[in-house]
């Protein structure tokens, strides 16, 4: 399915993305490829394919035992924080009080 620039701009607006003209034209191609792949999958006959509830088969996968580990210190957690106040992260205000 070939998207056009107007459709990419519409999706970007809905997602509140600010895109450069280069990013817009790149996304026209990339999103068209994704939609073509979805069309290919939609054309497959999956009538006799049972639903999958867990993607990892028995005896395989990256499942590990949940074990307690040493806690991180406040200093190590905040070490790379761009801004901090005491023992907390500092972030921009989210609410403006009008809502």
Foldseek 3Di string as FASTA:
>chain_A
DQDDLVVLVVVCVVVVHDDDPVVSVVVRVVVVVVVVVVVVVVPDDCPPPDDDPDPADPPDDDDDDDDDDDDDDLCVVCVPAPDADDSGHDDDDDDPPPD
